[in-house]
């Protein structure tokens, strides 16, 4: 599903909100995968790398929340 509705290629505010919400959804799913890998012990010797990835996904969730709230305020 394309986010750009206009032929001039500019994003509307609704499109930006949708993108931030989708980014948050994907970040939440990936964070859940990292938690399962860490807690089940599947990560094994790469647990530090999985924890680093989990931290990165938490940052993605925070950025998507802030971005979504910012553009929702402009609506």
PDB file of N, CA and C in Angstrom:
ATOM      1  N   UNK A   1       0.844  -1.175   0.000  1.00  0.00           N
ATOM      2  CA  UNK A   1       0.000   0.000   0.000  1.00  0.00           C
ATOM      3  C   UNK A   1       0.889   1.237   0.000  1.00  0.00           C
ATOM      4  N   UNK A   2       0.832   2.026  -1.041  1.00  0.00           N
ATOM      5  CA  UNK A   2       1.680   3.226  -1.084  1.00  0.00           C
ATOM      6  C   UNK A   2       1.135   4.320  -0.165  1.00  0.00           C
ATOM      7  N   UNK A   3       2.058   5.066   0.419  1.00  0.00           N
ATOM      8  CA  UNK A   3       1.651   6.158   1.292  1.00  0.00           C
ATOM      9  C   UNK A   3       1.451   7.459   0.530  1.00  0.00           C
ATOM     10  N   UNK A   4       2.095   7.603  -0.608  1.00  0.00           N
ATOM     11  CA  UNK A   4       1.987   8.842  -1.368  1.00  0.00           C
ATOM     12  C   UNK A   4       0.728   8.795  -2.214  1.00  0.00           C
ATOM     13  N   UNK A   5      -0.157   9.729  -1.987  1.00  0.00           N
ATOM     14  CA  UNK A   5      -1.418   9.764  -2.718  1.00  0.00           C
ATOM     15  C   UNK A   5      -1.381  10.756  -3.875  1.00  0.00           C
ATOM     16  N   UNK A   6      -0.537  11.757  -3.768  1.00  0.00           N
ATOM     17  CA  UNK A   6      -0.487  12.794  -4.783  1.00  0.00           C
ATOM     18  C   UNK A   6       0.609  12.499  -5.795  1.00  0.00           C
ATOM     19  N   UNK A   7       0.462  13.060  -6.980  1.00  0.00           N
ATOM     20  CA  UNK A   7       1.467  12.831  -8.021  1.00  0.00           C
ATOM     21  C   UNK A   7       2.720  13.674  -7.816  1.00  0.00           C
ATOM     22  N   UNK A   8       2.637  14.726  -7.000  1.00  0.00           N
ATOM     23  CA  UNK A   8       3.820  15.560  -6.776  1.00  0.00           C
ATOM     24  C   UNK A   8       4.789  14.950  -5.758  1.00  0.00           C
ATOM     25  N   UNK A   9       4.401  13.844  -5.122  1.00  0.00           N
ATOM     26  CA  UNK A   9       5.305  13.127  -4.234  1.00  0.00           C
ATOM     27  C   UNK A   9       5.399  13.661  -2.822  1.00  0.00           C
ATOM     28  N   UNK A  10       4.539  14.571  -2.419  1.00  0.00           N
ATOM     29  CA  UNK A  10       4.597  15.118  -1.064  1.00  0.00           C
ATOM     30  C   UNK A  10       3.708  14.298  -0.126  1.00  0.00           C
ATOM     31  N   UNK A  11       4.191  14.102   1.087  1.00  0.00           N
ATOM     32  CA  UNK A  11       3.426  13.364   2.084  1.00  0.00           C
ATOM     33  C   UNK A  11       2.435  14.293   2.768  1.00  0.00           C
ATOM     34  N   UNK A  12       1.214  13.813   2.958  1.00  0.00           N
ATOM     35  CA  UNK A  12       0.241  14.561   3.755  1.00  0.00           C
ATOM     36  C   UNK A  12       0.498  14.242   5.224  1.00  0.00           C
ATOM     37  N   UNK A  13      -0.135  14.985   6.105  1.00  0.00           N
ATOM     38  CA  UNK A  13       0.035  14.750   7.535  1.00  0.00           C
ATOM     39  C   UNK A  13      -0.523  13.381   7.915  1.00  0.00           C
ATOM     40  N   UNK A  14      -1.634  12.987   7.302  1.00  0.00           N
ATOM     41  CA  UNK A  14      -2.193  11.668   7.585  1.00  0.00           C
ATOM     42  C   UNK A  14      -1.230  10.558   7.175  1.00  0.00           C
ATOM     43  N   UNK A  15      -0.553  10.753   6.045  1.00  0.00           N
ATOM     44  CA  UNK A  15       0.430   9.767   5.595  1.00  0.00           C
ATOM     45  C   UNK A  15       1.580   9.644   6.587  1.00  0.00           C
ATOM     46  N   UNK A  16       2.027  10.771   7.132  1.00  0.00           N
ATOM     47  CA  UNK A  16       3.130  10.743   8.097  1.00  0.00           C
ATOM     48  C   UNK A  16       2.716  10.029   9.373  1.00  0.00           C
ATOM     49  N   UNK A  17       1.482  10.256   9.825  1.00  0.00           N
ATOM     50  CA  UNK A  17       0.988   9.574  11.021  1.00  0.00           C
ATOM     51  C   UNK A  17       0.933   8.073  10.771  1.00  0.00           C
ATOM     52  N   UNK A  18       0.432   7.659   9.594  1.00  0.00           N
ATOM     53  CA  UNK A  18       0.368   6.236   9.256  1.00  0.00           C
ATOM     54  C   UNK A  18       1.760   5.608   9.241  1.00  0.00           C
ATOM     55  N   UNK A  19       2.730   6.313   8.692  1.00  0.00           N
ATOM     56  CA  UNK A  19       4.090   5.766   8.630  1.00  0.00           C
ATOM     57  C   UNK A  19       4.683   5.583  10.021  1.00  0.00           C
ATOM     58  N   UNK A  20       4.494   6.566  10.904  1.00  0.00           N
ATOM     59  CA  UNK A  20       5.025   6.434  12.264  1.00  0.00           C
ATOM     60  C   UNK A  20       4.313   5.309  13.012  1.00  0.00           C
ATOM     61  N   UNK A  21       3.006   5.147  12.805  1.00  0.00           N
ATOM     62  CA  UNK A  21       2.291   4.065  13.464  1.00  0.00           C
ATOM     63  C   UNK A  21       2.755   2.706  12.947  1.00  0.00           C
ATOM     64  N   UNK A  22       2.988   2.600  11.654  1.00  0.00           N
ATOM     65  CA  UNK A  22       3.469   1.340  11.104  1.00  0.00           C
ATOM     66  C   UNK A  22       4.886   1.042  11.593  1.00  0.00           C
ATOM     67  N   UNK A  23       5.724   2.074  11.694  1.00  0.00           N
ATOM     68  CA  UNK A  23       7.080   1.885  12.208  1.00  0.00           C
ATOM     69  C   UNK A  23       7.023   1.382  13.650  1.00  0.00           C
ATOM     70  N   UNK A  24       6.110   1.917  14.442  1.00  0.00           N
ATOM     71  CA  UNK A  24       5.958   1.457  15.820  1.00  0.00           C
ATOM     72  C   UNK A  24       5.475   0.027  15.901  1.00  0.00           C
ATOM     73  N   UNK A  25       4.566  -0.344  15.011  1.00  0.00           N
ATOM     74  CA  UNK A  25       4.055  -1.717  15.001  1.00  0.00           C
ATOM     75  C   UNK A  25       5.159  -2.716  14.658  1.00  0.00           C
ATOM     76  N   UNK A  26       5.938  -2.409  13.656  1.00  0.00           N
ATOM     77  CA  UNK A  26       7.037  -3.300  13.263  1.00  0.00           C
ATOM     78  C   UNK A  26       8.088  -3.365  14.379  1.00  0.00           C
ATOM     79  N   UNK A  27       8.384  -2.221  14.989  1.00  0.00           N
ATOM     80  CA  UNK A  27       9.342  -2.196  16.095  1.00  0.00           C
ATOM     81  C   UNK A  27       8.874  -3.030  17.276  1.00  0.00           C
ATOM     82  N   UNK A  28       7.568  -3.007  17.563  1.00  0.00           N
ATOM     83  CA  UNK A  28       7.035  -3.791  18.676  1.00  0.00           C
ATOM     84  C   UNK A  28       7.151  -5.292  18.407  1.00  0.00           C
ATOM     85  N   UNK A  29       6.878  -5.699  17.177  1.00  0.00           N
ATOM     86  CA  UNK A  29       6.982  -7.119  16.833  1.00  0.00           C
ATOM     87  C   UNK A  29       8.439  -7.582  16.916  1.00  0.00           C
ATOM     88  N   UNK A  30       9.353  -6.783  16.399  1.00  0.00           N
ATOM     89  CA  UNK A  30      10.769  -7.167  16.452  1.00  0.00           C
ATOM     90  C   UNK A  30      11.266  -7.194  17.901  1.00  0.00           C
ATOM     91  N   UNK A  31      10.811  -6.243  18.727  1.00  0.00           N
ATOM     92  CA  UNK A  31      11.193  -6.241  20.139  1.00  0.00           C
ATOM     93  C   UNK A  31      10.672  -7.502  20.833  1.00  0.00           C
ATOM     94  N   UNK A  32       9.459  -7.920  20.484  1.00  0.00           N
ATOM     95  CA  UNK A  32       8.910  -9.144  21.066  1.00  0.00           C
ATOM     96  C   UNK A  32       9.740 -10.359  20.675  1.00  0.00           C
ATOM     97  N   UNK A  33      10.199 -10.401  19.441  1.00  0.00           N
ATOM     98  CA  UNK A  33      11.058 -11.502  18.990  1.00  0.00           C
ATOM     99  C   UNK A  33      12.359 -11.513  19.785  1.00  0.00           C
ATOM    100  N   UNK A  34      12.949 -10.333  20.000  1.00  0.00           N
ATOM    101  CA  UNK A  34      14.184 -10.265  20.781  1.00  0.00           C
ATOM    102  C   UNK A  34      13.964 -10.732  22.220  1.00  0.00           C
ATOM    103  N   UNK A  35      12.838 -10.368  22.817  1.00  0.00           N
ATOM    104  CA  UNK A  35      12.548 -10.800  24.184  1.00  0.00           C
ATOM    105  C   UNK A  35      12.420 -12.313  24.245  1.00  0.00           C
ATOM    106  N   UNK A  36      11.721 -12.895  23.264  1.00  0.00           N
ATOM    107  CA  UNK A  36      11.570 -14.352  23.237  1.00  0.00           C
ATOM    108  C   UNK A  36      12.934 -15.024  23.071  1.00  0.00           C
ATOM    109  N   UNK A  37      13.774 -14.481  22.190  1.00  0.00           N
ATOM    110  CA  UNK A  37      15.106 -15.064  21.990  1.00  0.00           C
ATOM    111  C   UNK A  37      15.950 -15.003  23.257  1.00  0.00           C
ATOM    112  N   UNK A  38      15.877 -13.887  23.953  1.00  0.00           N
ATOM    113  CA  UNK A  38      16.690 -13.721  25.170  1.00  0.00           C
ATOM    114  C   UNK A  38      16.167 -14.611  26.290  1.00  0.00           C
ATOM    115  N   UNK A  39      14.858 -14.593  26.525  1.00  0.00           N
ATOM    116  CA  UNK A  39      14.286 -15.321  27.656  1.00  0.00           C
ATOM    117  C   UNK A  39      14.317 -16.834  27.461  1.00  0.00           C
ATOM    118  N   UNK A  40      14.209 -17.297  26.228  1.00  0.00           N
ATOM    119  CA  UNK A  40      14.220 -18.739  25.994  1.00  0.00           C
ATOM    120  C   UNK A  40      15.636 -19.302  25.935  1.00  0.00           C
ATOM    121  N   UNK A  41      16.618 -18.438  25.829  1.00  0.00           N
ATOM    122  CA  UNK A  41      17.999 -18.884  25.786  1.00  0.00           C
ATOM    123  C   UNK A  41      18.472 -19.269  24.398  1.00  0.00           C
ATOM    124  N   UNK A  42      17.649 -19.026  23.389  1.00  0.00           N
ATOM    125  CA  UNK A  42      18.022 -19.374  22.019  1.00  0.00           C
ATOM    126  C   UNK A  42      19.182 -18.496  21.548  1.00  0.00           C
ATOM    127  N   UNK A  43      19.248 -17.277  22.049  1.00  0.00           N
ATOM    128  CA  UNK A  43      20.307 -16.362  21.626  1.00  0.00           C
ATOM    129  C   UNK A  43      21.682 -16.894  22.021  1.00  0.00           C
ATOM    130  N   UNK A  44      21.715 -17.639  23.111  1.00  0.00           N
ATOM    131  CA  UNK A  44      22.965 -18.283  23.539  1.00  0.00           C
ATOM    132  C   UNK A  44      24.095 -17.293  23.751  1.00  0.00           C
ATOM    133  N   UNK A  45      25.191 -17.513  23.031  1.00  0.00           N
ATOM    134  CA  UNK A  45      26.362 -16.646  23.196  1.00  0.00           C
ATOM    135  C   UNK A  45      26.148 -15.265  22.588  1.00  0.00           C
ATOM    136  N   UNK A  46      25.086 -15.111  21.825  1.00  0.00           N
ATOM    137  CA  UNK A  46      24.795 -13.812  21.210  1.00  0.00           C
ATOM    138  C   UNK A  46      23.743 -13.027  22.000  1.00  0.00           C
ATOM    139  N   UNK A  47      23.597 -13.322  23.279  1.00  0.00           N
ATOM    140  CA  UNK A  47      22.602 -12.652  24.116  1.00  0.00           C
ATOM    141  C   UNK A  47      22.895 -11.154  24.214  1.00  0.00           C
ATOM    142  N   UNK A  48      24.174 -10.788  24.260  1.00  0.00           N
ATOM    143  CA  UNK A  48      24.512  -9.364  24.327  1.00  0.00           C
ATOM    144  C   UNK A  48      24.056  -8.638  23.070  1.00  0.00           C
ATOM    145  N   UNK A  49      24.220  -9.271  21.932  1.00  0.00           N
ATOM    146  CA  UNK A  49      23.780  -8.678  20.671  1.00  0.00           C
ATOM    147  C   UNK A  49      22.257  -8.570  20.625  1.00  0.00           C
ATOM    148  N   UNK A  50      21.564  -9.576  21.145  1.00  0.00           N
ATOM    149  CA  UNK A  50      20.101  -9.540  21.184  1.00  0.00           C
ATOM    150  C   UNK A  50      19.613  -8.434  22.125  1.00  0.00           C
ATOM    151  N   UNK A  51      20.301  -8.236  23.234  1.00  0.00           N
ATOM    152  CA  UNK A  51      19.938  -7.156  24.158  1.00  0.00           C
ATOM    153  C   UNK A  51      20.168  -5.794  23.520  1.00  0.00           C
ATOM    154  N   UNK A  52      21.227  -5.689  22.726  1.00  0.00           N
ATOM    155  CA  UNK A  52      21.496  -4.448  21.998  1.00  0.00           C
ATOM    156  C   UNK A  52      20.368  -4.180  20.990  1.00  0.00           C
ATOM    157  N   UNK A  53      19.935  -5.226  20.293  1.00  0.00           N
ATOM    158  CA  UNK A  53      18.823  -5.086  19.352  1.00  0.00           C
ATOM    159  C   UNK A  53      17.535  -4.712  20.049  1.00  0.00           C
ATOM    160  N   UNK A  54      17.299  -5.278  21.231  1.00  0.00           N
ATOM    161  CA  UNK A  54      16.113  -4.930  22.005  1.00  0.00           C
ATOM    162  C   UNK A  54      16.142  -3.464  22.413  1.00  0.00           C
ATOM    163  N   UNK A  55      17.302  -2.980  22.819  1.00  0.00           N
ATOM    164  CA  UNK A  55      17.442  -1.566  23.166  1.00  0.00           C
ATOM    165  C   UNK A  55      17.169  -0.678  21.956  1.00  0.00           C
ATOM    166  N   UNK A  56      17.653  -1.091  20.800  1.00  0.00           N
ATOM    167  CA  UNK A  56      17.404  -0.323  19.576  1.00  0.00           C
ATOM    168  C   UNK A  56      15.911  -0.277  19.246  1.00  0.00           C
ATOM    169  N   UNK A  57      15.213  -1.379  19.448  1.00  0.00           N
ATOM    170  CA  UNK A  57      13.771  -1.405  19.159  1.00  0.00           C
ATOM    171  C   UNK A  57      12.992  -0.549  20.151  1.00  0.00           C
ATOM    172  N   UNK A  58      13.469  -0.455  21.378  1.00  0.00           N
ATOM    173  CA  UNK A  58      12.827   0.439  22.351  1.00  0.00           C
ATOM    174  C   UNK A  58      12.979   1.884  21.903  1.00  0.00           C
ATOM    175  N   UNK A  59      14.139   2.219  21.360  1.00  0.00           N
ATOM    176  CA  UNK A  59      14.345   3.572  20.828  1.00  0.00           C
ATOM    177  C   UNK A  59      13.431   3.820  19.636  1.00  0.00           C
ATOM    178  N   UNK A  60      13.277   2.811  18.762  1.00  0.00           N
ATOM    179  CA  UNK A  60      12.375   2.950  17.606  1.00  0.00           C
ATOM    180  C   UNK A  60      10.943   3.178  18.080  1.00  0.00           C
ATOM    181  N   UNK A  61      10.523   2.468  19.111  1.00  0.00           N
ATOM    182  CA  UNK A  61       9.176   2.659  19.648  1.00  0.00           C
ATOM    183  C   UNK A  61       8.990   4.064  20.205  1.00  0.00           C
ATOM    184  N   UNK A  62       9.993   4.564  20.893  1.00  0.00           N
ATOM    185  CA  UNK A  62       9.890   5.920  21.441  1.00  0.00           C
ATOM    186  C   UNK A  62       9.832   6.958  20.331  1.00  0.00           C
ATOM    187  N   UNK A  63      10.652   6.804  19.322  1.00  0.00           N
ATOM    188  CA  UNK A  63      10.659   7.757  18.200  1.00  0.00           C
ATOM    189  C   UNK A  63       9.331   7.718  17.454  1.00  0.00           C
ATOM    190  N   UNK A  64       8.791   6.519  17.245  1.00  0.00           N
ATOM    191  CA  UNK A  64       7.524   6.425  16.522  1.00  0.00           C
ATOM    192  C   UNK A  64       6.382   7.026  17.338  1.00  0.00           C
ATOM    193  N   UNK A  65       6.406   6.856  18.643  1.00  0.00           N
ATOM    194  CA  UNK A  65       5.373   7.453  19.490  1.00  0.00           C
ATOM    195  C   UNK A  65       5.452   8.969  19.449  1.00  0.00           C
ATOM    196  N   UNK A  66       6.648   9.503  19.586  1.00  0.00           N
ATOM    197  CA  UNK A  66       6.819  10.961  19.564  1.00  0.00           C
ATOM    198  C   UNK A  66       6.444  11.530  18.200  1.00  0.00           C
ATOM    199  N   UNK A  67       6.883  10.884  17.122  1.00  0.00           N
ATOM    200  CA  UNK A  67       6.559  11.362  15.786  1.00  0.00           C
ATOM    201  C   UNK A  67       5.078  11.310  15.499  1.00  0.00           C
ATOM    202  N   UNK A  68       4.424  10.230  15.908  1.00  0.00           N
ATOM    203  CA  UNK A  68       2.987  10.099  15.694  1.00  0.00           C
ATOM    204  C   UNK A  68       2.218  11.167  16.476  1.00  0.00           C
ATOM    205  N   UNK A  69       2.619  11.399  17.721  1.00  0.00           N
ATOM    206  CA  UNK A  69       1.943  12.426  18.526  1.00  0.00           C
ATOM    207  C   UNK A  69       2.167  13.814  17.942  1.00  0.00           C
ATOM    208  N   UNK A  70       3.365  14.070  17.438  1.00  0.00           N
ATOM    209  CA  UNK A  70       3.679  15.373  16.861  1.00  0.00           C
ATOM    210  C   UNK A  70       2.809  15.657  15.645  1.00  0.00           C
ATOM    211  N   UNK A  71       2.690  14.695  14.749  1.00  0.00           N
ATOM    212  CA  UNK A  71       1.918  14.930  13.544  1.00  0.00           C
ATOM    213  C   UNK A  71       0.419  14.846  13.779  1.00  0.00           C
ATOM    214  N   UNK A  72      -0.016  14.090  14.807  1.00  0.00           N
ATOM    215  CA  UNK A  72      -1.443  14.081  15.148  1.00  0.00           C
ATOM    216  C   UNK A  72      -1.862  15.448  15.684  1.00  0.00           C
ATOM    217  N   UNK A  73      -0.928  16.118  16.352  1.00  0.00           N
ATOM    218  CA  UNK A  73      -1.234  17.457  16.889  1.00  0.00           C
ATOM    219  C   UNK A  73      -1.462  18.455  15.765  1.00  0.00           C
ATOM    220  N   UNK A  74      -0.818  18.209  14.602  1.00  0.00           N
ATOM    221  CA  UNK A  74      -0.963  19.116  13.476  1.00  0.00           C
ATOM    222  C   UNK A  74      -2.269  18.919  12.712  1.00  0.00           C
ATOM    223  N   UNK A  75      -2.966  17.795  12.964  1.00  0.00           N
ATOM    224  CA  UNK A  75      -4.216  17.526  12.249  1.00  0.00           C
ATOM    225  C   UNK A  75      -5.323  18.458  12.642  1.00  0.00           C
TER     226      UNK A  75
END
